[in-house]
Amino acid sequence: MATFHVMSGAHHGATQPKVRKIGIGEVWDAFWLGLDDFREKPSHYVFLCLIFPISGVALITWSSGANLLPIIFPLMAGFALLGPVLALGLYEVSRRREAGLDSSWQHALEVRDSPALPAILAVGAFLFALFITWILVAQYLYASLFSPQPPDSLSVFLSQIFGTTAGWTLIVLGNLIGFCFAVIVLATTVVAFPLLLDRDVGAVSAIETSLRATMTNPIPVAFWGLIVAICLVIGTIPVFAGLAVMMPILGHATWHLYRKLVVAET
């Protein structure tokens, strides 16, 4: 029964959340609203989100020191796949600000008290499984084109990647496969986590609502994905430091995009 509740929500017979059709202008509006949320107390949010650049640097240091050079880029790209769950606290801050409640950064930690926490963890586990699958696929692709053994040094690795036909094949196929993983994450979670914070509808319903929102608004959602990708690229410069700014803006904007895509409960 507990598992059923996690998957279906607290109210099994409740009507599925309704989605609305929006335009590119409303996606932009969600982004600017997210920027406005960030501007309220930017120093607090930057401090809170230092975990993102720190984690990025830690990933590079660990993979370089462990002869895992072939998966440095997959790790960096895959880290972005976990973005929706890592921004949970930011959705909560935007929710509280919208409701006229105190929106100090400490309230980001109140996600742990959400009645939908089990469902949130279930969707988070789904994203983590996708992340692990992406890393395994990236490893297999490298091994199939080169060798299961890691390169002897960074210079050897770079010469393999940029100086051989197999290397360019790896770049093209790797990016295409990574794009497919990113599309899956975007389509299944574009509103999933904000929805679960707002209503305990269950993991399955949250993912299904995200898919319906995507199918109803393929171009706006794709445009949102492009905004996210550009912001994450900018955020990696220099040495992931920009993520401390970009992640909170995107997190707040995701809440406002949810409000535009999903009809409010009456």
Protein backbone atom coordinates (compact mmCIF):
# COMPACT_ATOMS: atom_id res chain seq x y z
CA MET A 1 0.00 0.00 0.00
CA ALA A 2 2.85 2.40 0.81
CA THR A 3 4.38 1.77 -2.61
CA PHE A 4 1.00 2.36 -4.26
CA HIS A 5 0.71 5.68 -2.44
CA VAL A 6 4.16 6.74 -3.61
CA MET A 7 3.29 5.96 -7.21
CA SER A 8 -0.31 7.21 -7.29
CA GLY A 9 -0.45 9.95 -4.67
CA ALA A 10 -2.48 10.52 -1.54
CA HIS A 11 -5.83 10.82 -3.34
CA HIS A 12 -6.14 7.85 -5.67
CA GLY A 13 -9.37 9.01 -7.25
CA ALA A 14 -8.32 12.62 -7.79
CA THR A 15 -8.53 14.18 -11.22
CA GLN A 16 -5.26 14.28 -13.14
CA PRO A 17 -3.66 17.76 -13.26
CA LYS A 18 -4.71 19.66 -16.37
CA VAL A 19 -2.12 21.23 -18.63
CA ARG A 20 -2.52 24.32 -20.77
CA LYS A 21 -1.00 25.41 -24.06
CA ILE A 22 1.50 28.25 -23.79
CA GLY A 23 3.75 30.23 -26.11
CA ILE A 24 7.43 31.15 -26.30
CA GLY A 25 6.65 34.50 -24.64
CA GLU A 26 5.40 32.75 -21.52
CA VAL A 27 8.58 30.69 -21.33
CA TRP A 28 10.57 33.91 -21.41
CA ASP A 29 8.28 35.36 -18.75
CA ALA A 30 8.93 32.33 -16.50
CA PHE A 31 12.68 32.87 -16.92
CA TRP A 32 12.47 36.55 -15.98
CA LEU A 33 10.27 35.72 -12.98
CA GLY A 34 12.92 33.24 -11.89
CA LEU A 35 15.54 35.97 -12.23
CA ASP A 36 13.34 38.24 -10.11
CA ASP A 37 13.15 35.57 -7.39
CA PHE A 38 16.92 35.28 -7.46
CA ARG A 39 17.37 39.05 -7.19
CA GLU A 40 15.43 39.12 -3.93
CA LYS A 41 18.32 37.63 -1.91
CA PRO A 42 21.03 36.66 -4.39
CA SER A 43 23.87 36.31 -1.89
CA HIS A 44 21.86 33.74 0.11
CA TYR A 45 21.12 31.66 -2.96
CA VAL A 46 24.65 31.85 -4.30
CA PHE A 47 25.90 30.57 -0.96
CA LEU A 48 23.30 27.80 -0.95
CA CYS A 49 24.17 26.76 -4.52
CA LEU A 50 27.93 26.66 -4.12
CA ILE A 51 27.35 22.91 -3.97
CA PHE A 52 27.04 22.92 -7.78
CA PRO A 53 30.48 24.34 -8.70
CA ILE A 54 32.10 22.45 -5.84
CA SER A 55 30.55 19.20 -7.06
CA GLY A 56 31.65 19.94 -10.63
CA VAL A 57 35.26 20.53 -9.61
CA ALA A 58 35.16 17.42 -7.42
CA LEU A 59 33.93 15.33 -10.35
CA ILE A 60 36.77 16.49 -12.59
CA THR A 61 39.39 16.00 -9.87
CA TRP A 62 38.13 12.53 -9.02
CA SER A 63 37.83 11.32 -12.60
CA SER A 64 41.24 12.70 -13.57
CA GLY A 65 42.95 11.11 -10.61
CA ALA A 66 41.27 7.75 -11.07
CA ASN A 67 42.22 7.21 -14.72
CA LEU A 68 38.65 7.91 -15.75
CA LEU A 69 39.49 10.52 -18.36
CA PRO A 70 37.08 9.05 -20.96
CA ILE A 71 34.09 9.81 -18.75
CA ILE A 72 34.98 13.33 -17.60
CA PHE A 73 32.67 14.89 -20.19
CA PRO A 74 29.87 12.31 -19.65
CA LEU A 75 30.08 13.00 -15.91
CA MET A 76 29.87 16.76 -16.46
CA ALA A 77 26.98 16.42 -18.92
CA GLY A 78 25.26 13.80 -16.79
CA PHE A 79 25.49 16.04 -13.75
CA ALA A 80 23.04 18.31 -15.55
CA LEU A 81 20.59 15.39 -15.80
CA LEU A 82 20.27 15.53 -12.01
CA GLY A 83 19.57 19.26 -12.05
CA PRO A 84 15.78 18.99 -11.59
CA VAL A 85 16.10 17.11 -8.30
CA LEU A 86 19.06 19.18 -7.06
CA ALA A 87 16.95 22.34 -7.42
CA LEU A 88 14.13 21.12 -5.15
CA GLY A 89 14.84 23.68 -2.46
CA LEU A 90 14.66 26.50 -5.00
CA TYR A 91 11.19 25.42 -6.12
CA GLU A 92 10.10 25.54 -2.49
CA VAL A 93 11.47 29.07 -2.02
CA SER A 94 9.60 30.28 -5.12
CA ARG A 95 6.43 28.54 -3.93
CA ARG A 96 6.63 30.32 -0.58
CA ARG A 97 7.35 33.69 -2.16
CA GLU A 98 4.38 33.28 -4.49
CA ALA A 99 2.17 32.48 -1.48
CA GLY A 100 3.37 35.57 0.38
CA LEU A 101 5.28 33.53 2.98
CA ASP A 102 8.77 34.09 4.29
CA SER A 103 11.17 33.05 1.52
CA SER A 104 14.47 32.99 3.39
CA TRP A 105 16.87 30.39 2.03
CA GLN A 106 16.51 28.23 5.16
CA HIS A 107 13.02 27.29 3.96
CA ALA A 108 14.61 25.44 1.05
CA LEU A 109 15.35 22.67 3.56
CA GLU A 110 11.65 22.27 4.35
CA VAL A 111 11.29 20.04 1.30
CA ARG A 112 12.14 17.18 3.67
CA ASP A 113 8.79 17.76 5.41
CA SER A 114 6.73 17.55 2.22
CA PRO A 115 4.00 14.86 2.31
CA ALA A 116 5.05 13.99 -1.25
CA LEU A 117 8.67 13.31 -0.22
CA PRO A 118 8.45 9.55 -0.98
CA ALA A 119 7.17 10.30 -4.50
CA ILE A 120 9.84 12.99 -4.92
CA LEU A 121 12.49 10.43 -3.95
CA ALA A 122 11.00 7.94 -6.43
CA VAL A 123 11.27 10.41 -9.32
CA GLY A 124 14.75 11.31 -8.10
CA ALA A 125 15.70 7.62 -8.19
CA PHE A 126 14.41 7.50 -11.78
CA LEU A 127 16.72 10.39 -12.71
CA PHE A 128 19.66 8.78 -10.92
CA ALA A 129 19.04 5.55 -12.84
CA LEU A 130 19.13 7.54 -16.09
CA PHE A 131 22.38 9.16 -14.98
CA ILE A 132 24.01 5.79 -14.26
CA THR A 133 22.73 4.40 -17.57
CA TRP A 134 24.20 7.38 -19.43
CA ILE A 135 27.61 6.85 -17.80
CA LEU A 136 27.56 3.13 -18.66
CA VAL A 137 26.57 3.87 -22.27
CA ALA A 138 29.34 6.47 -22.54
CA GLN A 139 31.89 4.00 -21.18
CA TYR A 140 30.75 1.31 -23.59
CA LEU A 141 30.91 3.70 -26.55
CA TYR A 142 34.48 4.71 -25.70
CA ALA A 143 35.58 1.10 -25.18
CA SER A 144 33.99 0.00 -28.46
CA LEU A 145 35.80 2.73 -30.43
CA PHE A 146 39.15 2.60 -28.63
CA SER A 147 39.93 0.21 -25.79
CA PRO A 148 38.52 -0.78 -22.40
CA GLN A 149 41.82 0.45 -20.95
CA PRO A 150 41.98 4.16 -20.04
CA PRO A 151 44.49 6.39 -21.88
CA ASP A 152 47.93 6.79 -20.33
CA SER A 153 47.68 10.57 -20.02
CA LEU A 154 45.53 13.59 -20.79
CA SER A 155 47.62 14.42 -23.88
CA VAL A 156 47.14 10.90 -25.26
CA PHE A 157 43.41 11.12 -24.58
CA LEU A 158 43.08 14.48 -26.34
CA SER A 159 45.03 13.23 -29.34
CA GLN A 160 42.71 10.24 -29.53
CA ILE A 161 39.60 12.38 -29.41
CA PHE A 162 40.59 15.20 -31.75
CA GLY A 163 43.19 13.51 -33.92
CA THR A 164 41.49 10.33 -35.06
CA THR A 165 38.39 9.33 -37.00
CA ALA A 166 37.26 7.22 -34.06
CA GLY A 167 37.56 10.27 -31.83
CA TRP A 168 35.28 12.37 -34.00
CA THR A 169 32.87 9.44 -34.20
CA LEU A 170 32.86 9.40 -30.40
CA ILE A 171 32.15 13.14 -30.27
CA VAL A 172 29.23 12.94 -32.73
CA LEU A 173 27.64 9.74 -31.39
CA GLY A 174 28.25 10.73 -27.78
CA ASN A 175 26.53 14.07 -28.20
CA LEU A 176 23.61 12.50 -30.08
CA ILE A 177 23.11 9.90 -27.36
CA GLY A 178 23.50 12.52 -24.65
CA PHE A 179 20.91 14.67 -26.41
CA CYS A 180 18.46 11.75 -26.30
CA PHE A 181 19.00 11.35 -22.55
CA ALA A 182 18.50 15.10 -22.06
CA VAL A 183 15.23 15.01 -24.02
CA ILE A 184 13.96 12.14 -21.86
CA VAL A 185 14.78 14.03 -18.67
CA LEU A 186 13.22 17.27 -19.95
CA ALA A 187 10.02 15.58 -21.15
CA THR A 188 9.51 13.51 -18.00
CA THR A 189 10.43 16.08 -15.34
CA VAL A 190 9.75 19.55 -16.78
CA VAL A 191 7.00 20.03 -14.16
CA ALA A 192 7.30 16.81 -12.11
CA PHE A 193 9.10 18.11 -9.03
CA PRO A 194 7.29 21.47 -8.70
CA LEU A 195 4.00 19.59 -9.14
CA LEU A 196 4.87 17.16 -6.33
CA LEU A 197 5.77 20.04 -4.02
CA ASP A 198 2.46 21.69 -4.84
CA ARG A 199 0.27 18.56 -4.81
CA ASP A 200 0.89 15.00 -3.64
CA VAL A 201 -0.21 13.39 -6.91
CA GLY A 202 2.32 10.54 -6.89
CA ALA A 203 5.41 9.82 -8.97
CA VAL A 204 3.61 8.27 -11.94
CA SER A 205 1.13 11.13 -12.24
CA ALA A 206 3.92 13.73 -11.94
CA ILE A 207 5.89 12.13 -14.78
CA GLU A 208 2.75 11.61 -16.86
CA THR A 209 1.75 15.26 -16.39
CA SER A 210 5.22 16.35 -17.53
CA LEU A 211 4.86 14.21 -20.65
CA ARG A 212 1.42 15.69 -21.40
CA ALA A 213 2.76 19.22 -20.88
CA THR A 214 5.61 18.45 -23.28
CA MET A 215 3.37 16.91 -25.95
CA THR A 216 0.93 19.82 -25.67
CA ASN A 217 3.76 22.38 -25.89
CA PRO A 218 6.62 20.75 -27.83
CA ILE A 219 8.14 24.01 -29.11
CA PRO A 220 7.91 26.00 -25.83
CA VAL A 221 9.31 23.07 -23.83
CA ALA A 222 12.10 22.60 -26.38
CA PHE A 223 12.82 26.32 -26.12
CA TRP A 224 12.99 25.98 -22.35
CA GLY A 225 15.44 23.10 -22.80
CA LEU A 226 17.57 25.35 -25.01
CA ILE A 227 17.57 28.08 -22.35
CA VAL A 228 18.62 25.54 -19.71
CA ALA A 229 21.41 24.18 -21.93
CA ILE A 230 22.78 27.66 -22.68
CA CYS A 231 22.66 28.69 -19.03
CA LEU A 232 24.44 25.50 -17.93
CA VAL A 233 27.17 26.03 -20.52
CA ILE A 234 27.61 29.62 -19.33
CA GLY A 235 27.57 28.35 -15.76
CA THR A 236 30.61 26.15 -16.32
CA ILE A 237 32.72 29.24 -17.04
CA PRO A 238 35.01 29.65 -15.22
CA VAL A 239 35.50 26.29 -13.48
CA PHE A 240 31.78 25.80 -12.81
CA ALA A 241 31.62 28.97 -10.68
CA GLY A 242 28.77 30.36 -12.78
CA LEU A 243 26.54 27.46 -11.73
CA ALA A 244 26.16 29.14 -8.33
CA VAL A 245 24.19 31.85 -10.16
CA MET A 246 22.65 29.96 -13.07
CA MET A 247 21.24 27.05 -11.07
CA PRO A 248 19.15 29.19 -8.68
CA ILE A 249 17.80 31.27 -11.58
CA LEU A 250 16.82 28.12 -13.49
CA GLY A 251 15.39 26.53 -10.37
CA HIS A 252 13.14 29.50 -9.61
CA ALA A 253 12.17 29.82 -13.28
CA THR A 254 11.16 26.14 -13.36
CA TRP A 255 8.58 26.82 -10.66
CA HIS A 256 7.07 29.66 -12.69
CA LEU A 257 7.10 27.53 -15.85
CA TYR A 258 5.18 24.89 -13.92
CA ARG A 259 2.59 27.49 -12.96
CA LYS A 260 2.14 28.40 -16.60
CA LEU A 261 1.99 24.82 -17.90
CA VAL A 262 -0.27 23.25 -15.25
CA VAL A 263 -3.71 24.56 -14.35
CA ALA A 264 -3.92 25.53 -10.68
CA GLU A 265 -5.91 23.29 -8.37
CA THR A 266 -9.35 24.65 -7.52
